[in-house]
């Protein structure tokens, strides 16, 4: 009789230990699942920030294209203009040629 009571007590103790282990593991799973919503919110926030950055980069790209076009225009305009030193030298040569031809 004592033997069967001892076996039942041991089995009850084993079952109790297993139940505690399962409850502990279940608590860990519940904790992890609750963290998933926080992680989802953070991912959503990061996606919004990335979208905003993509928009800004697109705007900067468009602005750079405009700046490049303006720079090409200025560059081509400068090629057509004469440097003041060159103009002064040319003016001096024309004056000399005019004075010789008179």
N, C-alpha and C. Protein backbone atom coordinates (compact mmCIF):
# COMPACT_ATOMS: atom_id res chain seq x y z
N UNK A 1 0.81 -1.19 0.00
CA UNK A 1 0.00 0.00 0.00
C UNK A 1 0.86 1.26 0.00
N UNK A 2 1.87 1.24 0.87
CA UNK A 2 2.75 2.39 0.91
C UNK A 2 3.48 2.58 -0.41
N UNK A 3 3.76 1.45 -1.05
CA UNK A 3 4.46 1.50 -2.32
C UNK A 3 3.60 2.17 -3.39
N UNK A 4 2.32 1.83 -3.43
CA UNK A 4 1.44 2.41 -4.44
C UNK A 4 1.19 3.89 -4.16
N UNK A 5 1.12 4.28 -2.92
CA UNK A 5 0.95 5.69 -2.58
C UNK A 5 2.21 6.46 -2.97
N UNK A 6 3.36 5.85 -2.72
CA UNK A 6 4.63 6.48 -3.07
C UNK A 6 4.74 6.63 -4.59
N UNK A 7 4.31 5.61 -5.36
CA UNK A 7 4.36 5.68 -6.82
C UNK A 7 3.42 6.77 -7.32
N UNK A 8 2.21 6.86 -6.73
CA UNK A 8 1.25 7.88 -7.15
C UNK A 8 1.78 9.27 -6.82
N UNK A 9 2.41 9.42 -5.68
CA UNK A 9 2.97 10.71 -5.29
C UNK A 9 4.10 11.09 -6.25
N UNK A 10 4.94 10.11 -6.58
CA UNK A 10 6.02 10.38 -7.53
C UNK A 10 5.46 10.75 -8.89
N UNK A 11 4.41 10.03 -9.32
CA UNK A 11 3.81 10.34 -10.63
C UNK A 11 3.17 11.72 -10.58
N UNK A 12 2.49 12.04 -9.49
CA UNK A 12 1.88 13.37 -9.35
C UNK A 12 2.95 14.45 -9.36
N UNK A 13 4.06 14.17 -8.68
CA UNK A 13 5.18 15.12 -8.66
C UNK A 13 5.76 15.29 -10.06
N UNK A 14 5.94 14.22 -10.79
CA UNK A 14 6.45 14.27 -12.17
C UNK A 14 5.50 15.07 -13.06
N UNK A 15 4.21 14.77 -12.91
CA UNK A 15 3.21 15.50 -13.71
C UNK A 15 3.24 16.98 -13.35
N UNK A 16 3.38 17.28 -12.07
CA UNK A 16 3.44 18.68 -11.64
C UNK A 16 4.65 19.39 -12.22
N UNK A 17 5.79 18.71 -12.21
CA UNK A 17 7.02 19.30 -12.77
C UNK A 17 6.85 19.52 -14.27
N UNK A 18 6.28 18.54 -14.96
CA UNK A 18 6.05 18.70 -16.41
C UNK A 18 5.09 19.85 -16.68
N UNK A 19 4.04 19.97 -15.86
CA UNK A 19 3.09 21.08 -16.04
C UNK A 19 3.77 22.43 -15.84
N UNK A 20 4.62 22.54 -14.83
CA UNK A 20 5.35 23.79 -14.61
C UNK A 20 6.24 24.11 -15.80
N UNK A 21 6.91 23.10 -16.33
CA UNK A 21 7.79 23.30 -17.48
C UNK A 21 7.00 23.76 -18.69
N UNK A 22 5.86 23.11 -18.93
CA UNK A 22 5.01 23.50 -20.07
C UNK A 22 4.48 24.91 -19.87
N UNK A 23 4.05 25.24 -18.65
CA UNK A 23 3.54 26.60 -18.37
C UNK A 23 4.64 27.64 -18.59
N UNK A 24 5.86 27.33 -18.16
CA UNK A 24 6.97 28.26 -18.35
C UNK A 24 7.24 28.48 -19.84
N UNK A 25 7.26 27.41 -20.60
CA UNK A 25 7.49 27.52 -22.04
C UNK A 25 6.36 28.26 -22.73
N UNK A 26 5.14 28.02 -22.27
CA UNK A 26 3.98 28.72 -22.84
C UNK A 26 4.05 30.21 -22.53
N UNK A 27 4.50 30.57 -21.33
CA UNK A 27 4.68 31.98 -20.99
C UNK A 27 5.71 32.63 -21.91
N UNK A 28 6.77 31.91 -22.23
CA UNK A 28 7.79 32.44 -23.14
C UNK A 28 7.22 32.67 -24.53
N UNK A 29 6.41 31.73 -24.99
CA UNK A 29 5.79 31.87 -26.32
C UNK A 29 4.84 33.06 -26.33
N UNK A 30 4.05 33.20 -25.28
CA UNK A 30 3.11 34.33 -25.20
C UNK A 30 3.87 35.65 -25.19
N UNK A 31 4.99 35.70 -24.48
CA UNK A 31 5.80 36.90 -24.44
C UNK A 31 6.35 37.24 -25.82
N UNK A 32 6.81 36.24 -26.54
CA UNK A 32 7.35 36.45 -27.88
C UNK A 32 6.26 36.92 -28.84
N UNK A 33 5.08 36.34 -28.72
CA UNK A 33 3.97 36.72 -29.60
C UNK A 33 3.57 38.17 -29.33
N UNK A 34 3.59 38.58 -28.08
CA UNK A 34 3.23 39.96 -27.77
C UNK A 34 4.28 40.92 -28.34
N UNK A 35 5.53 40.49 -28.42
CA UNK A 35 6.59 41.33 -29.00
C UNK A 35 6.43 41.47 -30.51
N UNK A 36 5.74 40.55 -31.13
CA UNK A 36 5.58 40.59 -32.59
C UNK A 36 4.83 41.86 -33.01
N UNK A 37 3.82 42.27 -32.25
CA UNK A 37 3.09 43.48 -32.64
C UNK A 37 3.98 44.71 -32.52
N UNK A 38 4.85 44.74 -31.49
CA UNK A 38 5.80 45.85 -31.37
C UNK A 38 6.74 45.87 -32.55
N UNK A 39 7.23 44.72 -32.93
CA UNK A 39 8.14 44.62 -34.07
C UNK A 39 7.44 45.06 -35.35
N UNK A 40 6.19 44.67 -35.51
CA UNK A 40 5.42 45.07 -36.70
C UNK A 40 5.27 46.59 -36.75
N UNK A 41 4.99 47.20 -35.61
CA UNK A 41 4.87 48.66 -35.57
C UNK A 41 6.19 49.33 -35.94
N UNK A 42 7.29 48.78 -35.46
CA UNK A 42 8.60 49.35 -35.79
C UNK A 42 8.90 49.19 -37.28
N UNK A 43 8.54 48.05 -37.85
CA UNK A 43 8.77 47.82 -39.28
C UNK A 43 7.91 48.79 -40.10
N UNK A 44 6.66 48.98 -39.68
CA UNK A 44 5.79 49.93 -40.38
C UNK A 44 6.37 51.33 -40.34
N UNK A 45 6.90 51.71 -39.17
CA UNK A 45 7.51 53.03 -39.03
C UNK A 45 8.73 53.17 -39.94
N UNK A 46 9.54 52.12 -39.99
CA UNK A 46 10.72 52.15 -40.86
C UNK A 46 10.33 52.21 -42.33
N UNK A 47 9.28 51.50 -42.71
CA UNK A 47 8.82 51.56 -44.10
C UNK A 47 8.39 52.97 -44.47
N UNK A 48 7.70 53.64 -43.54
CA UNK A 48 7.28 55.02 -43.79
C UNK A 48 8.49 55.93 -43.97
N UNK A 49 9.48 55.75 -43.11
CA UNK A 49 10.69 56.57 -43.22
C UNK A 49 11.42 56.32 -44.53
N UNK A 50 11.50 55.07 -44.95
CA UNK A 50 12.16 54.74 -46.22
C UNK A 50 11.40 55.35 -47.39
N UNK A 51 10.07 55.29 -47.35
CA UNK A 51 9.27 55.91 -48.41
C UNK A 51 9.54 57.41 -48.48
N UNK A 52 9.61 58.06 -47.32
CA UNK A 52 9.90 59.49 -47.29
C UNK A 52 11.28 59.79 -47.86
N UNK A 53 12.25 58.96 -47.52
CA UNK A 53 13.61 59.16 -48.05
C UNK A 53 13.65 58.94 -49.56
N UNK A 54 12.90 57.96 -50.05
CA UNK A 54 12.85 57.73 -51.50
C UNK A 54 12.28 58.95 -52.21
N UNK A 55 11.24 59.54 -51.62
CA UNK A 55 10.64 60.74 -52.21
C UNK A 55 11.66 61.89 -52.24
N UNK A 56 12.38 62.05 -51.14
CA UNK A 56 13.38 63.11 -51.09
C UNK A 56 14.49 62.88 -52.11
N UNK A 57 14.93 61.65 -52.26
CA UNK A 57 15.97 61.34 -53.24
C UNK A 57 15.47 61.61 -54.65
N UNK A 58 14.23 61.26 -54.93
CA UNK A 58 13.66 61.54 -56.25
C UNK A 58 13.64 63.04 -56.51
N UNK A 59 13.24 63.82 -55.50
CA UNK A 59 13.22 65.28 -55.65
C UNK A 59 14.62 65.83 -55.87
N UNK A 60 15.59 65.32 -55.12
CA UNK A 60 16.97 65.77 -55.30
C UNK A 60 17.50 65.41 -56.69
N UNK A 61 17.12 64.25 -57.18
CA UNK A 61 17.55 63.83 -58.52
C UNK A 61 17.00 64.78 -59.58
N UNK A 62 15.72 65.12 -59.43
CA UNK A 62 15.11 66.07 -60.38
C UNK A 62 15.81 67.43 -60.30
N UNK A 63 16.08 67.89 -59.07
CA UNK A 63 16.76 69.18 -58.91
C UNK A 63 18.17 69.15 -59.49
N UNK A 64 18.87 68.03 -59.33
CA UNK A 64 20.21 67.92 -59.90
C UNK A 64 20.16 67.96 -61.43
N UNK A 65 19.15 67.34 -62.01
CA UNK A 65 19.00 67.40 -63.46
C UNK A 65 18.82 68.85 -63.91
N UNK A 66 18.03 69.61 -63.17
CA UNK A 66 17.81 71.03 -63.50
C UNK A 66 19.12 71.80 -63.37
N UNK A 67 19.87 71.54 -62.30
CA UNK A 67 21.15 72.23 -62.08
C UNK A 67 22.13 71.87 -63.20
N UNK A 68 22.17 70.60 -63.59
CA UNK A 68 23.08 70.18 -64.67
C UNK A 68 22.73 70.90 -65.97
N UNK A 69 21.44 70.98 -66.26
CA UNK A 69 21.02 71.67 -67.48
C UNK A 69 21.44 73.14 -67.44
N UNK A 70 21.22 73.80 -66.29
CA UNK A 70 21.63 75.20 -66.13
C UNK A 70 23.12 75.37 -66.26
N UNK A 71 23.87 74.44 -65.70
CA UNK A 71 25.33 74.50 -65.78
C UNK A 71 25.81 74.35 -67.22
N UNK A 72 25.21 73.45 -67.96
CA UNK A 72 25.57 73.28 -69.38
C UNK A 72 25.29 74.57 -70.15
N UNK A 73 24.16 75.21 -69.84
CA UNK A 73 23.81 76.46 -70.50
C UNK A 73 24.87 77.53 -70.21
N UNK A 74 25.24 77.66 -68.94
CA UNK A 74 26.24 78.66 -68.56
C UNK A 74 27.58 78.33 -69.21
N UNK A 75 27.94 77.06 -69.22
CA UNK A 75 29.20 76.63 -69.82
C UNK A 75 29.25 76.99 -71.31
N UNK A 76 28.16 76.71 -72.01
CA UNK A 76 28.11 77.04 -73.44
C UNK A 76 28.11 78.54 -73.67
N UNK A 77 27.46 79.29 -72.79
CA UNK A 77 27.45 80.75 -72.92
C UNK A 77 28.84 81.32 -72.72
N UNK A 78 29.59 80.75 -71.77
CA UNK A 78 30.94 81.24 -71.51
C UNK A 78 31.87 80.95 -72.67
N UNK A 79 31.65 79.86 -73.36
CA UNK A 79 32.50 79.54 -74.52
C UNK A 79 32.35 80.60 -75.60
N UNK A 80 31.18 81.22 -75.68
CA UNK A 80 30.92 82.21 -76.72
C UNK A 80 31.47 83.59 -76.35
N UNK A 81 31.71 83.82 -75.06
CA UNK A 81 32.18 85.13 -74.62
C UNK A 81 33.71 85.19 -74.68
N UNK A 82 34.21 86.41 -74.87
CA UNK A 82 35.64 86.63 -74.96
C UNK A 82 36.16 87.09 -73.60
N UNK A 83 37.31 86.61 -73.24
CA UNK A 83 37.95 87.03 -72.00
C UNK A 83 38.35 88.51 -72.13
N UNK A 84 38.26 89.27 -71.04
CA UNK A 84 38.58 90.71 -71.12
C UNK A 84 40.03 90.96 -71.50
N UNK A 85 40.93 90.13 -71.02
CA UNK A 85 42.35 90.29 -71.41
C UNK A 85 42.52 90.06 -72.90
N UNK A 86 41.86 89.01 -73.40
CA UNK A 86 41.94 88.74 -74.84
C UNK A 86 41.33 89.90 -75.62
N UNK A 87 40.23 90.45 -75.12
CA UNK A 87 39.57 91.56 -75.81
C UNK A 87 40.47 92.81 -75.83
N UNK A 88 41.12 93.07 -74.71
CA UNK A 88 42.03 94.22 -74.64
C UNK A 88 43.19 94.04 -75.61
N UNK A 89 43.76 92.85 -75.68
CA UNK A 89 44.86 92.58 -76.60
C UNK A 89 44.39 92.73 -78.04
N UNK A 90 43.22 92.20 -78.34
CA UNK A 90 42.68 92.32 -79.69
C UNK A 90 42.40 93.78 -80.05
N UNK A 91 41.86 94.52 -79.11
CA UNK A 91 41.59 95.94 -79.33
C UNK A 91 42.89 96.69 -79.63
N UNK A 92 43.93 96.37 -78.89
CA UNK A 92 45.24 97.00 -79.11
C UNK A 92 45.78 96.66 -80.50
N UNK A 93 45.63 95.39 -80.92
CA UNK A 93 46.10 94.99 -82.26
C UNK A 93 45.32 95.71 -83.35
N UNK A 94 44.01 95.85 -83.17
CA UNK A 94 43.19 96.55 -84.17
C UNK A 94 43.61 98.01 -84.25
N UNK A 95 43.85 98.60 -83.10
CA UNK A 95 44.29 100.01 -83.09
C UNK A 95 45.62 100.16 -83.83
N UNK A 96 46.54 99.24 -83.60
CA UNK A 96 47.83 99.28 -84.30
C UNK A 96 47.65 99.13 -85.81
N UNK A 97 46.80 98.15 -86.19
CA UNK A 97 46.57 97.93 -87.62
C UNK A 97 45.90 99.14 -88.26
N UNK A 98 44.98 99.74 -87.57
CA UNK A 98 44.31 100.92 -88.10
C UNK A 98 45.29 102.09 -88.25
N UNK A 99 46.17 102.23 -87.27
CA UNK A 99 47.13 103.34 -87.34
C UNK A 99 48.15 103.13 -88.47
N UNK A 100 48.49 101.86 -88.75
CA UNK A 100 49.41 101.57 -89.85
C UNK A 100 48.78 101.80 -91.22
N UNK A 101 47.51 101.45 -91.25
CA UNK A 101 46.85 101.53 -92.56
C UNK A 101 46.51 102.98 -92.91
N UNK A 102 46.62 103.91 -92.09
CA UNK A 102 46.26 105.29 -92.40
C UNK A 102 47.36 106.03 -93.00
